[in-house]
């Protein structure tokens, strides 16, 4: 059966609702207070602690936003848990495209939904040290299958947190509040009519904390 926490994660639609989820579902194991694990920090520029480029970039057929979430550990906190691990939830998301002129032609929906749900970081994209629990992500659409599309606009919302298994016994428990964040990739292909794939980022391309609506730009 879906837990109350995960059910509310699925239903949350913006940062204010996520904050409400945090308040309503706070218990002995859900707050970072007393767990030794700090609140999450969201990074989207420069180089990640794992050595990856943050911010907008292309990666093969993908156009992505590189981000990193860092949960600081207090001295000695790691020794209190046999396992510390980052967790992530994929929330509301949508992909739209245009086949006509970027300005004025109608948006068409490629996909839209409540998200994939559990979306934990891959082993190679996370690290636990004596000072932090860290994970990287790089959400964004592939341009494969978009031949001839003049504009692609993709919105994805996520939340992340840390779980730990105490050495004193018991199962995994959530040690931090959730970090709500989003990624928007919006790229235009001025060479679409000629079969080109030279996509350029629009000003709508961004990432940040909180969740954002999944509607396309009104252009």
N, C-alpha and C. Protein backbone atom coordinates (compact mmCIF):
# COMPACT_ATOMS: atom_id res chain seq x y z
N UNK A 1 0.85 -1.19 0.00
CA UNK A 1 0.00 0.00 0.00
C UNK A 1 0.89 1.25 0.00
N UNK A 2 0.50 2.25 -0.74
CA UNK A 2 1.27 3.49 -0.82
C UNK A 2 1.21 4.23 0.51
N UNK A 3 2.39 4.63 1.03
CA UNK A 3 2.44 5.34 2.30
C UNK A 3 1.86 6.74 2.15
N UNK A 4 1.48 7.34 3.31
CA UNK A 4 0.96 8.69 3.27
C UNK A 4 1.96 9.67 2.72
N UNK A 5 3.24 9.48 3.06
CA UNK A 5 4.28 10.38 2.56
C UNK A 5 4.37 10.32 1.05
N UNK A 6 4.42 9.10 0.49
CA UNK A 6 4.55 8.98 -0.96
C UNK A 6 3.28 9.43 -1.67
N UNK A 7 2.13 9.20 -1.06
CA UNK A 7 0.88 9.64 -1.67
C UNK A 7 0.85 11.17 -1.76
N UNK A 8 1.27 11.84 -0.72
CA UNK A 8 1.30 13.29 -0.75
C UNK A 8 2.37 13.81 -1.68
N UNK A 9 3.49 13.10 -1.80
CA UNK A 9 4.50 13.46 -2.78
C UNK A 9 3.90 13.44 -4.18
N UNK A 10 3.14 12.39 -4.47
CA UNK A 10 2.55 12.26 -5.80
C UNK A 10 1.54 13.37 -6.06
N UNK A 11 0.81 13.77 -5.03
CA UNK A 11 -0.25 14.76 -5.20
C UNK A 11 0.28 16.20 -5.20
N UNK A 12 1.46 16.43 -4.63
CA UNK A 12 1.98 17.79 -4.49
C UNK A 12 2.17 18.41 -5.87
N UNK A 13 1.82 19.72 -5.98
CA UNK A 13 1.91 20.36 -7.27
C UNK A 13 2.80 21.58 -7.32
N UNK A 14 3.26 22.07 -6.20
CA UNK A 14 4.16 23.22 -6.20
C UNK A 14 4.89 23.30 -4.87
N UNK A 15 5.80 24.25 -4.76
CA UNK A 15 6.64 24.33 -3.57
C UNK A 15 5.83 24.57 -2.31
N UNK A 16 4.76 25.36 -2.41
CA UNK A 16 3.94 25.63 -1.23
C UNK A 16 3.27 24.34 -0.73
N UNK A 17 2.80 23.52 -1.65
CA UNK A 17 2.18 22.26 -1.25
C UNK A 17 3.22 21.33 -0.65
N UNK A 18 4.42 21.32 -1.23
CA UNK A 18 5.48 20.48 -0.67
C UNK A 18 5.79 20.91 0.75
N UNK A 19 5.83 22.23 1.00
CA UNK A 19 6.07 22.72 2.35
C UNK A 19 4.98 22.25 3.29
N UNK A 20 3.73 22.25 2.81
CA UNK A 20 2.62 21.77 3.61
C UNK A 20 2.76 20.29 3.90
N UNK A 21 3.20 19.53 2.90
CA UNK A 21 3.44 18.09 3.10
C UNK A 21 4.45 17.89 4.21
N UNK A 22 5.52 18.69 4.19
CA UNK A 22 6.56 18.56 5.20
C UNK A 22 6.00 18.82 6.60
N UNK A 23 5.18 19.87 6.74
CA UNK A 23 4.64 20.21 8.05
C UNK A 23 3.67 19.14 8.55
N UNK A 24 2.80 18.68 7.67
CA UNK A 24 1.75 17.76 8.08
C UNK A 24 2.29 16.36 8.37
N UNK A 25 3.43 16.00 7.77
CA UNK A 25 3.93 14.64 7.92
C UNK A 25 5.22 14.58 8.74
N UNK A 26 5.48 15.62 9.54
CA UNK A 26 6.68 15.63 10.36
C UNK A 26 6.49 14.66 11.52
N UNK A 27 7.47 13.76 11.70
CA UNK A 27 7.46 12.86 12.84
C UNK A 27 8.89 12.71 13.34
N UNK A 28 9.09 11.81 14.25
CA UNK A 28 10.42 11.70 14.87
C UNK A 28 11.52 11.41 13.87
N UNK A 29 11.16 10.75 12.78
CA UNK A 29 12.20 10.39 11.82
C UNK A 29 12.21 11.24 10.58
N UNK A 30 11.30 12.18 10.44
CA UNK A 30 11.19 12.90 9.18
C UNK A 30 11.91 14.24 9.18
N UNK A 31 12.27 14.75 10.34
CA UNK A 31 12.95 16.04 10.41
C UNK A 31 14.44 15.85 10.46
N UNK A 32 15.19 16.81 9.90
CA UNK A 32 16.64 16.73 9.97
C UNK A 32 17.14 17.05 11.37
N UNK A 33 16.26 17.61 12.23
CA UNK A 33 16.66 17.94 13.59
C UNK A 33 17.02 16.68 14.36
N UNK A 34 18.27 16.61 14.86
CA UNK A 34 18.69 15.48 15.67
C UNK A 34 19.16 14.27 14.89
N UNK A 35 19.09 14.29 13.58
CA UNK A 35 19.51 13.13 12.79
C UNK A 35 20.97 13.22 12.39
N UNK A 36 21.55 14.42 12.46
CA UNK A 36 22.93 14.60 12.03
C UNK A 36 23.07 14.88 10.55
N UNK A 37 21.93 14.94 9.84
CA UNK A 37 21.94 15.22 8.40
C UNK A 37 21.27 16.56 8.16
N UNK A 38 21.95 17.48 7.49
CA UNK A 38 21.43 18.82 7.29
C UNK A 38 20.43 18.91 6.16
N UNK A 39 19.79 20.07 6.06
CA UNK A 39 18.86 20.33 4.97
C UNK A 39 19.59 20.33 3.63
N UNK A 40 18.88 19.94 2.60
CA UNK A 40 19.51 19.83 1.29
C UNK A 40 19.83 21.17 0.65
N UNK A 41 20.95 21.23 -0.06
CA UNK A 41 21.34 22.40 -0.85
C UNK A 41 21.27 22.04 -2.33
N UNK A 42 20.70 22.94 -3.13
CA UNK A 42 20.52 22.72 -4.56
C UNK A 42 21.55 23.54 -5.33
N UNK A 43 22.33 22.88 -6.21
CA UNK A 43 23.37 23.53 -7.00
C UNK A 43 23.10 23.31 -8.48
N UNK A 44 23.26 24.36 -9.30
CA UNK A 44 23.02 24.21 -10.74
C UNK A 44 24.00 25.02 -11.59
N UNK A 45 25.16 25.32 -11.04
CA UNK A 45 26.18 26.01 -11.83
C UNK A 45 27.57 25.56 -11.36
N UNK A 46 28.54 25.69 -12.25
CA UNK A 46 29.90 25.29 -11.92
C UNK A 46 30.10 23.80 -12.12
N UNK A 47 30.92 23.21 -11.26
CA UNK A 47 31.23 21.78 -11.32
C UNK A 47 30.74 21.11 -10.04
N UNK A 48 30.10 19.96 -10.17
CA UNK A 48 29.56 19.26 -9.01
C UNK A 48 30.69 18.64 -8.19
N UNK A 49 30.37 18.23 -6.97
CA UNK A 49 31.34 17.55 -6.13
C UNK A 49 31.75 16.22 -6.72
N UNK A 50 30.95 15.69 -7.62
CA UNK A 50 31.28 14.45 -8.33
C UNK A 50 32.05 14.72 -9.61
N UNK A 51 32.38 15.99 -9.87
CA UNK A 51 33.19 16.34 -11.02
C UNK A 51 32.44 16.51 -12.32
N UNK A 52 31.12 16.72 -12.25
CA UNK A 52 30.32 16.86 -13.46
C UNK A 52 29.90 18.30 -13.67
N UNK A 53 29.70 18.66 -14.94
CA UNK A 53 29.29 20.02 -15.28
C UNK A 53 27.84 20.23 -14.87
N UNK A 54 27.57 21.36 -14.21
CA UNK A 54 26.22 21.71 -13.81
C UNK A 54 25.68 22.79 -14.74
N UNK A 55 24.35 22.85 -14.86
CA UNK A 55 23.72 23.81 -15.74
C UNK A 55 23.31 23.17 -17.05
N UNK A 56 22.82 24.00 -17.98
CA UNK A 56 22.34 23.51 -19.27
C UNK A 56 23.50 23.03 -20.14
N UNK A 57 23.29 21.89 -20.81
CA UNK A 57 24.29 21.36 -21.72
C UNK A 57 23.64 20.31 -22.61
N UNK A 58 24.33 19.96 -23.70
CA UNK A 58 23.89 18.84 -24.53
C UNK A 58 24.72 17.62 -24.16
N UNK A 59 24.11 16.46 -24.27
CA UNK A 59 24.78 15.19 -23.97
C UNK A 59 24.29 14.16 -24.96
N UNK A 60 25.00 14.02 -26.09
CA UNK A 60 24.52 13.16 -27.16
C UNK A 60 23.23 13.74 -27.71
N UNK A 61 22.18 12.91 -27.81
CA UNK A 61 20.91 13.43 -28.33
C UNK A 61 20.07 14.14 -27.27
N UNK A 62 20.59 14.25 -26.05
CA UNK A 62 19.83 14.84 -24.95
C UNK A 62 20.26 16.29 -24.72
N UNK A 63 19.28 17.12 -24.31
CA UNK A 63 19.54 18.45 -23.82
C UNK A 63 19.09 18.46 -22.36
N UNK A 64 20.00 18.77 -21.45
CA UNK A 64 19.74 18.51 -20.04
C UNK A 64 20.15 19.70 -19.17
N UNK A 65 19.64 19.69 -17.95
CA UNK A 65 20.08 20.58 -16.88
C UNK A 65 20.83 19.74 -15.85
N UNK A 66 22.12 19.99 -15.70
CA UNK A 66 22.89 19.29 -14.69
C UNK A 66 22.69 19.94 -13.33
N UNK A 67 22.30 19.16 -12.32
CA UNK A 67 22.09 19.70 -10.98
C UNK A 67 22.74 18.77 -9.96
N UNK A 68 22.93 19.30 -8.76
CA UNK A 68 23.44 18.49 -7.65
C UNK A 68 22.73 18.88 -6.37
N UNK A 69 22.38 17.88 -5.57
CA UNK A 69 21.74 18.10 -4.27
C UNK A 69 22.70 17.58 -3.21
N UNK A 70 23.01 18.43 -2.23
CA UNK A 70 23.98 18.12 -1.19
C UNK A 70 23.31 18.20 0.18
N UNK A 71 23.42 17.12 0.95
CA UNK A 71 22.95 17.10 2.34
C UNK A 71 24.18 16.98 3.23
N UNK A 72 24.48 18.03 3.98
CA UNK A 72 25.67 18.04 4.83
C UNK A 72 25.49 17.13 6.04
N UNK A 73 26.57 16.46 6.43
CA UNK A 73 26.57 15.60 7.61
C UNK A 73 27.33 16.28 8.75
N UNK A 74 26.77 16.20 9.95
CA UNK A 74 27.48 16.69 11.11
C UNK A 74 28.62 15.74 11.45
N UNK A 75 29.66 16.21 12.13
CA UNK A 75 30.77 15.32 12.50
C UNK A 75 30.29 14.08 13.24
N UNK A 76 30.71 12.92 12.79
CA UNK A 76 30.35 11.67 13.42
C UNK A 76 29.01 11.11 13.03
N UNK A 77 28.22 11.85 12.23
CA UNK A 77 26.87 11.39 11.88
C UNK A 77 26.90 10.10 11.07
N UNK A 78 27.88 9.98 10.18
CA UNK A 78 27.93 8.79 9.32
C UNK A 78 28.07 7.51 10.15
N UNK A 79 28.78 7.59 11.26
CA UNK A 79 29.02 6.40 12.07
C UNK A 79 27.76 5.93 12.78
N UNK A 80 26.70 6.75 12.80
CA UNK A 80 25.46 6.38 13.47
C UNK A 80 24.55 5.52 12.61
N UNK A 81 24.90 5.40 11.31
CA UNK A 81 24.04 4.66 10.38
C UNK A 81 24.86 3.62 9.62
N UNK A 82 24.29 2.44 9.48
CA UNK A 82 24.98 1.40 8.70
C UNK A 82 24.89 1.71 7.22
N UNK A 83 23.82 2.41 6.81
CA UNK A 83 23.63 2.82 5.42
C UNK A 83 23.01 4.21 5.40
N UNK A 84 23.54 5.08 4.56
CA UNK A 84 22.92 6.37 4.24
C UNK A 84 22.72 6.39 2.74
N UNK A 85 21.53 6.82 2.29
CA UNK A 85 21.28 6.82 0.85
C UNK A 85 20.34 7.95 0.46
N UNK A 86 20.62 8.59 -0.69
CA UNK A 86 19.69 9.60 -1.20
C UNK A 86 18.53 8.93 -1.92
N UNK A 87 17.36 9.53 -1.82
CA UNK A 87 16.18 9.04 -2.52
C UNK A 87 15.60 10.19 -3.34
N UNK A 88 14.88 9.83 -4.41
CA UNK A 88 14.27 10.87 -5.24
C UNK A 88 12.92 10.40 -5.77
N UNK A 89 12.03 11.37 -5.96
CA UNK A 89 10.69 11.14 -6.48
C UNK A 89 10.49 12.02 -7.71
N UNK A 90 10.01 11.43 -8.79
CA UNK A 90 9.71 12.18 -10.01
C UNK A 90 8.24 12.56 -10.01
N UNK A 91 7.97 13.88 -10.04
CA UNK A 91 6.61 14.38 -9.97
C UNK A 91 6.06 14.82 -11.30
N UNK A 92 5.08 15.73 -11.31
CA UNK A 92 4.42 16.15 -12.55
C UNK A 92 5.42 16.59 -13.62
N UNK A 93 5.19 16.14 -14.85
CA UNK A 93 6.09 16.44 -15.96
C UNK A 93 5.32 16.49 -17.27
N UNK A 94 5.90 17.13 -18.26
CA UNK A 94 5.25 17.22 -19.57
C UNK A 94 6.29 17.59 -20.63
N UNK A 95 6.04 17.14 -21.85
CA UNK A 95 6.87 17.50 -23.01
C UNK A 95 5.94 17.98 -24.12
N UNK A 96 6.23 19.17 -24.67
CA UNK A 96 5.46 19.76 -25.75
C UNK A 96 6.38 20.04 -26.93
N UNK A 97 5.78 20.22 -28.11
CA UNK A 97 6.59 20.56 -29.28
C UNK A 97 5.75 21.36 -30.28
N UNK A 98 6.45 22.02 -31.19
CA UNK A 98 5.83 22.72 -32.30
C UNK A 98 6.43 22.21 -33.60
N UNK A 99 5.61 22.19 -34.65
CA UNK A 99 6.11 21.81 -35.97
C UNK A 99 6.11 22.99 -36.94
N UNK A 100 5.46 24.08 -36.55
CA UNK A 100 5.43 25.28 -37.39
C UNK A 100 6.36 26.34 -36.85
N UNK A 101 6.19 27.57 -37.29
CA UNK A 101 7.02 28.67 -36.80
C UNK A 101 6.96 28.74 -35.27
N UNK A 102 8.11 28.94 -34.61
CA UNK A 102 8.12 28.97 -33.15
C UNK A 102 7.14 29.98 -32.56
N UNK A 103 6.99 31.12 -33.21
CA UNK A 103 6.05 32.12 -32.73
C UNK A 103 4.73 32.01 -33.49
N UNK A 104 3.67 31.71 -32.76
CA UNK A 104 2.35 31.69 -33.37
C UNK A 104 1.76 30.34 -33.66
N UNK A 105 2.58 29.33 -33.94
CA UNK A 105 2.03 28.00 -34.22
C UNK A 105 1.63 27.32 -32.91
N UNK A 106 0.67 26.39 -32.96
CA UNK A 106 0.15 25.80 -31.71
C UNK A 106 1.11 24.77 -31.11
N UNK A 107 1.05 24.66 -29.80
CA UNK A 107 1.77 23.60 -29.10
C UNK A 107 1.05 22.27 -29.27
N UNK A 108 1.82 21.21 -29.38
CA UNK A 108 1.28 19.86 -29.39
C UNK A 108 1.89 19.11 -28.20
N UNK A 109 1.11 18.21 -27.62
CA UNK A 109 1.56 17.49 -26.43
C UNK A 109 2.20 16.18 -26.80
N UNK A 110 3.45 16.00 -26.41
CA UNK A 110 4.14 14.73 -26.61
C UNK A 110 3.81 13.77 -25.47
N UNK A 111 3.86 14.28 -24.25
CA UNK A 111 3.53 13.46 -23.08
C UNK A 111 3.23 14.39 -21.91
N UNK A 112 2.41 13.90 -21.00
CA UNK A 112 2.07 14.68 -19.81
C UNK A 112 1.53 13.74 -18.75
N UNK A 113 1.98 13.90 -17.51
CA UNK A 113 1.50 13.01 -16.47
C UNK A 113 2.02 13.40 -15.11
N UNK A 114 1.75 12.52 -14.13
CA UNK A 114 2.13 12.77 -12.75
C UNK A 114 3.57 12.39 -12.44
N UNK A 115 4.31 11.89 -13.43
CA UNK A 115 5.70 11.51 -13.22
C UNK A 115 5.85 10.02 -12.99
N UNK A 116 7.11 9.60 -12.93
CA UNK A 116 7.41 8.18 -12.82
C UNK A 116 7.35 7.66 -11.40
N UNK A 117 7.24 8.58 -10.41
CA UNK A 117 7.24 8.14 -9.02
C UNK A 117 8.66 7.93 -8.54
N UNK A 118 8.96 6.77 -7.90
CA UNK A 118 10.32 6.53 -7.42
C UNK A 118 11.35 6.68 -8.54
N UNK A 119 12.37 7.49 -8.28
CA UNK A 119 13.36 7.81 -9.31
C UNK A 119 14.72 8.01 -8.64
N UNK A 120 15.16 6.99 -7.91
CA UNK A 120 16.36 7.11 -7.10
C UNK A 120 17.62 7.31 -7.95
N UNK A 121 18.59 8.07 -7.44
CA UNK A 121 19.83 8.30 -8.19
C UNK A 121 20.56 7.00 -8.50
N UNK A 122 21.18 6.94 -9.67
CA UNK A 122 21.99 5.78 -10.03
C UNK A 122 23.23 5.73 -9.13
N UNK A 123 23.78 4.52 -8.89
CA UNK A 123 24.95 4.40 -8.01
C UNK A 123 26.10 5.31 -8.40
N UNK A 124 26.34 5.46 -9.71
CA UNK A 124 27.46 6.29 -10.17
C UNK A 124 27.19 7.79 -10.01
N UNK A 125 25.95 8.15 -9.67
CA UNK A 125 25.57 9.56 -9.55
C UNK A 125 25.39 9.99 -8.11
N UNK A 126 25.86 9.19 -7.16
CA UNK A 126 25.72 9.54 -5.76
C UNK A 126 27.01 9.21 -5.01
N UNK A 127 27.15 9.86 -3.86
CA UNK A 127 28.33 9.60 -3.03
C UNK A 127 28.01 9.95 -1.59
N UNK A 128 28.51 9.13 -0.68
CA UNK A 128 28.39 9.40 0.74
C UNK A 128 29.80 9.52 1.31
N UNK A 129 30.11 10.66 1.90
CA UNK A 129 31.41 10.88 2.53
C UNK A 129 31.18 11.14 4.02
N UNK A 130 32.25 11.47 4.72
CA UNK A 130 32.12 11.77 6.15
C UNK A 130 31.44 13.11 6.38
N UNK A 131 31.32 13.92 5.31
CA UNK A 131 30.78 15.26 5.49
C UNK A 131 29.48 15.52 4.71
N UNK A 132 29.10 14.63 3.80
CA UNK A 132 27.91 14.92 2.98
C UNK A 132 27.35 13.67 2.31
N UNK A 133 26.05 13.73 2.02
CA UNK A 133 25.38 12.79 1.11
C UNK A 133 25.04 13.61 -0.13
N UNK A 134 25.55 13.17 -1.28
CA UNK A 134 25.47 13.97 -2.50
C UNK A 134 24.90 13.13 -3.64
N UNK A 135 24.07 13.77 -4.48
CA UNK A 135 23.72 13.10 -5.73
C UNK A 135 23.53 14.11 -6.85
N UNK A 136 23.86 13.67 -8.06
CA UNK A 136 23.71 14.47 -9.26
C UNK A 136 22.54 13.96 -10.09
N UNK A 137 21.97 14.84 -10.90
CA UNK A 137 20.95 14.44 -11.86
C UNK A 137 21.09 15.34 -13.08
N UNK A 138 20.59 14.86 -14.22
CA UNK A 138 20.66 15.65 -15.46
C UNK A 138 19.42 15.39 -16.29
N UNK A 139 18.25 15.87 -15.84
CA UNK A 139 17.00 15.64 -16.57
C UNK A 139 16.91 16.47 -17.84
N UNK A 140 16.20 15.93 -18.81
CA UNK A 140 15.98 16.65 -20.06
C UNK A 140 15.60 15.69 -21.17
N UNK A 141 15.02 16.20 -22.26
CA UNK A 141 14.51 15.35 -23.34
C UNK A 141 15.58 14.98 -24.35
N UNK A 142 15.34 13.87 -25.03
CA UNK A 142 16.13 13.50 -26.20
C UNK A 142 15.48 14.12 -27.43
N UNK A 143 16.31 14.57 -28.38
CA UNK A 143 15.75 15.13 -29.62
C UNK A 143 15.45 14.03 -30.64
N UNK A 144 15.84 12.79 -30.34
CA UNK A 144 15.47 11.69 -31.23
C UNK A 144 13.96 11.57 -31.25
N UNK A 145 13.39 11.43 -32.41
CA UNK A 145 11.94 11.39 -32.54
C UNK A 145 11.31 12.76 -32.70
N UNK A 146 12.15 13.81 -32.67
CA UNK A 146 11.64 15.17 -32.83
C UNK A 146 12.09 15.78 -34.16
N UNK A 147 12.43 14.95 -35.14
CA UNK A 147 12.86 15.46 -36.44
C UNK A 147 11.75 16.34 -37.04
N UNK A 148 12.11 17.55 -37.44
CA UNK A 148 11.15 18.46 -38.01
C UNK A 148 10.42 19.31 -36.99
N UNK A 149 10.66 19.07 -35.72
CA UNK A 149 10.02 19.88 -34.68
C UNK A 149 10.84 21.15 -34.46
N UNK A 150 10.17 22.27 -34.46
CA UNK A 150 10.87 23.55 -34.36
C UNK A 150 11.14 23.98 -32.92
N UNK A 151 10.34 23.46 -31.99
CA UNK A 151 10.52 23.86 -30.59
C UNK A 151 10.16 22.67 -29.71
N UNK A 152 10.99 22.37 -28.74
CA UNK A 152 10.73 21.34 -27.74
C UNK A 152 10.76 21.99 -26.36
N UNK A 153 9.74 21.73 -25.58
CA UNK A 153 9.65 22.33 -24.24
C UNK A 153 9.31 21.21 -23.26
N UNK A 154 10.22 20.95 -22.32
CA UNK A 154 10.05 19.86 -21.36
C UNK A 154 10.14 20.38 -19.93
N UNK A 155 9.15 20.02 -19.10
CA UNK A 155 9.11 20.43 -17.70
C UNK A 155 9.11 19.17 -16.84
N UNK A 156 9.99 19.13 -15.82
CA UNK A 156 10.04 18.00 -14.90
C UNK A 156 10.18 18.53 -13.47
N UNK A 157 9.43 17.91 -12.55
CA UNK A 157 9.48 18.27 -11.13
C UNK A 157 9.95 17.07 -10.30
N UNK A 158 10.73 17.36 -9.26
CA UNK A 158 11.30 16.29 -8.44
C UNK A 158 11.30 16.69 -6.97
N UNK A 159 11.46 15.70 -6.10
CA UNK A 159 11.82 15.92 -4.71
C UNK A 159 12.89 14.92 -4.33
N UNK A 160 13.79 15.34 -3.43
CA UNK A 160 14.86 14.46 -2.97
C UNK A 160 15.00 14.53 -1.46
N UNK A 161 15.50 13.45 -0.85
CA UNK A 161 15.71 13.41 0.59
C UNK A 161 16.73 12.31 0.90
N UNK A 162 17.06 12.14 2.18
CA UNK A 162 18.03 11.14 2.60
C UNK A 162 17.38 10.17 3.58
N UNK A 163 17.65 8.91 3.39
CA UNK A 163 17.23 7.87 4.32
C UNK A 163 18.47 7.25 4.97
N UNK A 164 18.28 6.74 6.20
CA UNK A 164 19.36 6.07 6.89
C UNK A 164 18.88 4.88 7.68
N UNK A 165 19.77 3.92 7.84
CA UNK A 165 19.46 2.73 8.65
C UNK A 165 20.31 2.79 9.91
N UNK A 166 19.70 3.04 11.08
CA UNK A 166 20.47 3.21 12.31
C UNK A 166 21.23 1.94 12.69
N UNK A 167 22.43 2.13 13.19
CA UNK A 167 23.22 0.98 13.65
C UNK A 167 22.61 0.37 14.90
N UNK A 168 21.78 1.12 15.61
CA UNK A 168 21.15 0.60 16.82
C UNK A 168 19.99 -0.34 16.51
N UNK A 169 19.63 -0.45 15.23
CA UNK A 169 18.56 -1.35 14.83
C UNK A 169 17.39 -0.62 14.21
N UNK A 170 16.53 -1.37 13.59
CA UNK A 170 15.37 -0.78 12.94
C UNK A 170 15.59 -0.63 11.44
N UNK A 171 14.51 -0.31 10.75
CA UNK A 171 14.55 -0.20 9.29
C UNK A 171 14.99 1.20 8.89
N UNK A 172 15.09 1.41 7.58
CA UNK A 172 15.41 2.72 7.05
C UNK A 172 14.36 3.74 7.49
N UNK A 173 14.81 4.97 7.75
CA UNK A 173 13.89 6.04 8.05
C UNK A 173 14.35 7.32 7.37
N UNK A 174 13.40 8.18 7.08
CA UNK A 174 13.74 9.44 6.43
C UNK A 174 14.39 10.37 7.45
N UNK A 175 15.54 10.94 7.09
CA UNK A 175 16.31 11.75 8.01
C UNK A 175 16.19 13.25 7.73
N UNK A 176 15.66 13.62 6.58
CA UNK A 176 15.61 15.03 6.19
C UNK A 176 14.23 15.38 5.65
N UNK A 177 13.95 16.67 5.58
CA UNK A 177 12.80 17.13 4.82
C UNK A 177 13.11 16.99 3.34
N UNK A 178 12.09 17.00 2.51
CA UNK A 178 12.31 16.87 1.07
C UNK A 178 12.80 18.17 0.48
N UNK A 179 13.62 18.06 -0.55
CA UNK A 179 14.04 19.20 -1.35
C UNK A 179 13.24 19.15 -2.65
N UNK A 180 12.36 20.11 -2.85
CA UNK A 180 11.58 20.17 -4.09
C UNK A 180 12.36 20.97 -5.12
N UNK A 181 12.46 20.44 -6.35
CA UNK A 181 13.19 21.16 -7.39
C UNK A 181 12.60 20.84 -8.76
N UNK A 182 13.00 21.64 -9.76
CA UNK A 182 12.45 21.47 -11.10
C UNK A 182 13.51 21.69 -12.16
N UNK A 183 13.21 21.19 -13.34
CA UNK A 183 14.05 21.40 -14.53
C UNK A 183 13.14 21.72 -15.70
N UNK A 184 13.48 22.78 -16.43
CA UNK A 184 12.76 23.14 -17.65
C UNK A 184 13.79 23.25 -18.78
N UNK A 185 13.59 22.48 -19.82
CA UNK A 185 14.41 22.55 -21.03
C UNK A 185 13.54 23.05 -22.16
N UNK A 186 13.93 24.14 -22.79
CA UNK A 186 13.15 24.74 -23.87
C UNK A 186 14.12 25.10 -24.99
N UNK A 187 14.10 24.32 -26.07
CA UNK A 187 15.09 24.50 -27.15
C UNK A 187 14.39 24.65 -28.50
N UNK A 188 14.92 25.55 -29.31
CA UNK A 188 14.39 25.84 -30.65
C UNK A 188 15.38 25.36 -31.69
N UNK A 189 14.85 24.79 -32.79
CA UNK A 189 15.68 24.30 -33.88
C UNK A 189 15.37 25.13 -35.14
N UNK A 190 16.18 26.15 -35.42
CA UNK A 190 15.90 27.00 -36.59
C UNK A 190 16.14 26.29 -37.92
N UNK A 191 16.78 25.12 -37.89
CA UNK A 191 17.07 24.38 -39.12
C UNK A 191 16.13 23.20 -39.31
N UNK A 192 15.03 23.17 -38.56
CA UNK A 192 14.13 22.02 -38.62
C UNK A 192 13.60 21.76 -40.02
N UNK A 193 13.25 22.81 -40.76
CA UNK A 193 12.68 22.63 -42.11
C UNK A 193 13.66 21.96 -43.05
N UNK A 194 14.96 22.09 -42.78
CA UNK A 194 15.99 21.49 -43.63
C UNK A 194 16.52 20.19 -43.06
N UNK A 195 15.88 19.67 -42.04
CA UNK A 195 16.32 18.43 -41.43
C UNK A 195 17.46 18.58 -40.45
N UNK A 196 17.79 19.81 -40.07
CA UNK A 196 18.88 20.04 -39.13
C UNK A 196 18.47 19.79 -37.70
N UNK A 197 19.46 19.68 -36.82
CA UNK A 197 19.21 19.43 -35.40
C UNK A 197 20.03 20.37 -34.52
N UNK A 198 20.20 21.59 -34.98
CA UNK A 198 20.99 22.57 -34.23
C UNK A 198 20.09 23.31 -33.24
N UNK A 199 19.80 22.66 -32.12
CA UNK A 199 18.89 23.25 -31.14
C UNK A 199 19.60 24.32 -30.31
N UNK A 200 18.86 25.38 -30.02
CA UNK A 200 19.37 26.48 -29.22
C UNK A 200 18.45 26.69 -28.02
N UNK A 201 19.06 26.94 -26.86
CA UNK A 201 18.27 27.12 -25.63
C UNK A 201 17.53 28.44 -25.66
N UNK A 202 16.26 28.41 -25.26
CA UNK A 202 15.46 29.60 -25.08
C UNK A 202 15.58 30.07 -23.63
N UNK A 203 15.12 31.29 -23.37
CA UNK A 203 15.20 31.84 -22.03
C UNK A 203 14.35 31.09 -21.01
N UNK A 204 13.43 30.26 -21.46
CA UNK A 204 12.61 29.47 -20.55
C UNK A 204 13.40 28.33 -19.92
N UNK A 205 14.56 27.99 -20.48
CA UNK A 205 15.39 26.92 -19.95
C UNK A 205 15.94 27.34 -18.59
N UNK A 206 15.65 26.52 -17.56
CA UNK A 206 16.08 26.88 -16.22
C UNK A 206 15.98 25.66 -15.30
N UNK A 207 16.52 25.79 -14.12
CA UNK A 207 16.31 24.82 -13.05
C UNK A 207 16.36 25.57 -11.74
N UNK A 208 15.72 25.02 -10.69
CA UNK A 208 15.70 25.71 -9.42
C UNK A 208 14.91 24.94 -8.39
N UNK A 209 14.76 25.52 -7.22
CA UNK A 209 14.02 24.87 -6.15
C UNK A 209 12.53 25.13 -6.30
N UNK A 210 11.72 24.27 -5.66
CA UNK A 210 10.27 24.36 -5.79
C UNK A 210 9.79 23.68 -7.06
N UNK A 211 8.49 23.44 -7.12
CA UNK A 211 7.88 22.86 -8.31
C UNK A 211 7.24 23.97 -9.14
N UNK A 212 7.18 23.76 -10.45
CA UNK A 212 6.62 24.74 -11.37
C UNK A 212 5.48 24.09 -12.17
N UNK A 213 4.55 24.91 -12.70
CA UNK A 213 3.47 24.36 -13.53
C UNK A 213 4.05 23.69 -14.78
N UNK A 214 3.33 22.73 -15.31
CA UNK A 214 3.79 22.00 -16.48
C UNK A 214 3.21 22.53 -17.79
N UNK A 215 2.60 23.71 -17.75
CA UNK A 215 2.05 24.29 -18.97
C UNK A 215 3.18 24.85 -19.85
N UNK A 216 2.99 24.85 -21.20
CA UNK A 216 4.01 25.42 -22.09
C UNK A 216 3.92 26.95 -22.12
N UNK A 217 4.93 27.63 -22.63
CA UNK A 217 4.86 29.09 -22.75
C UNK A 217 3.69 29.51 -23.64
N UNK A 218 3.13 30.65 -23.36
CA UNK A 218 1.99 31.16 -24.15
C UNK A 218 2.45 31.88 -25.38
N UNK A 219 3.22 31.22 -26.22
CA UNK A 219 3.77 31.85 -27.44
C UNK A 219 3.42 31.00 -28.66
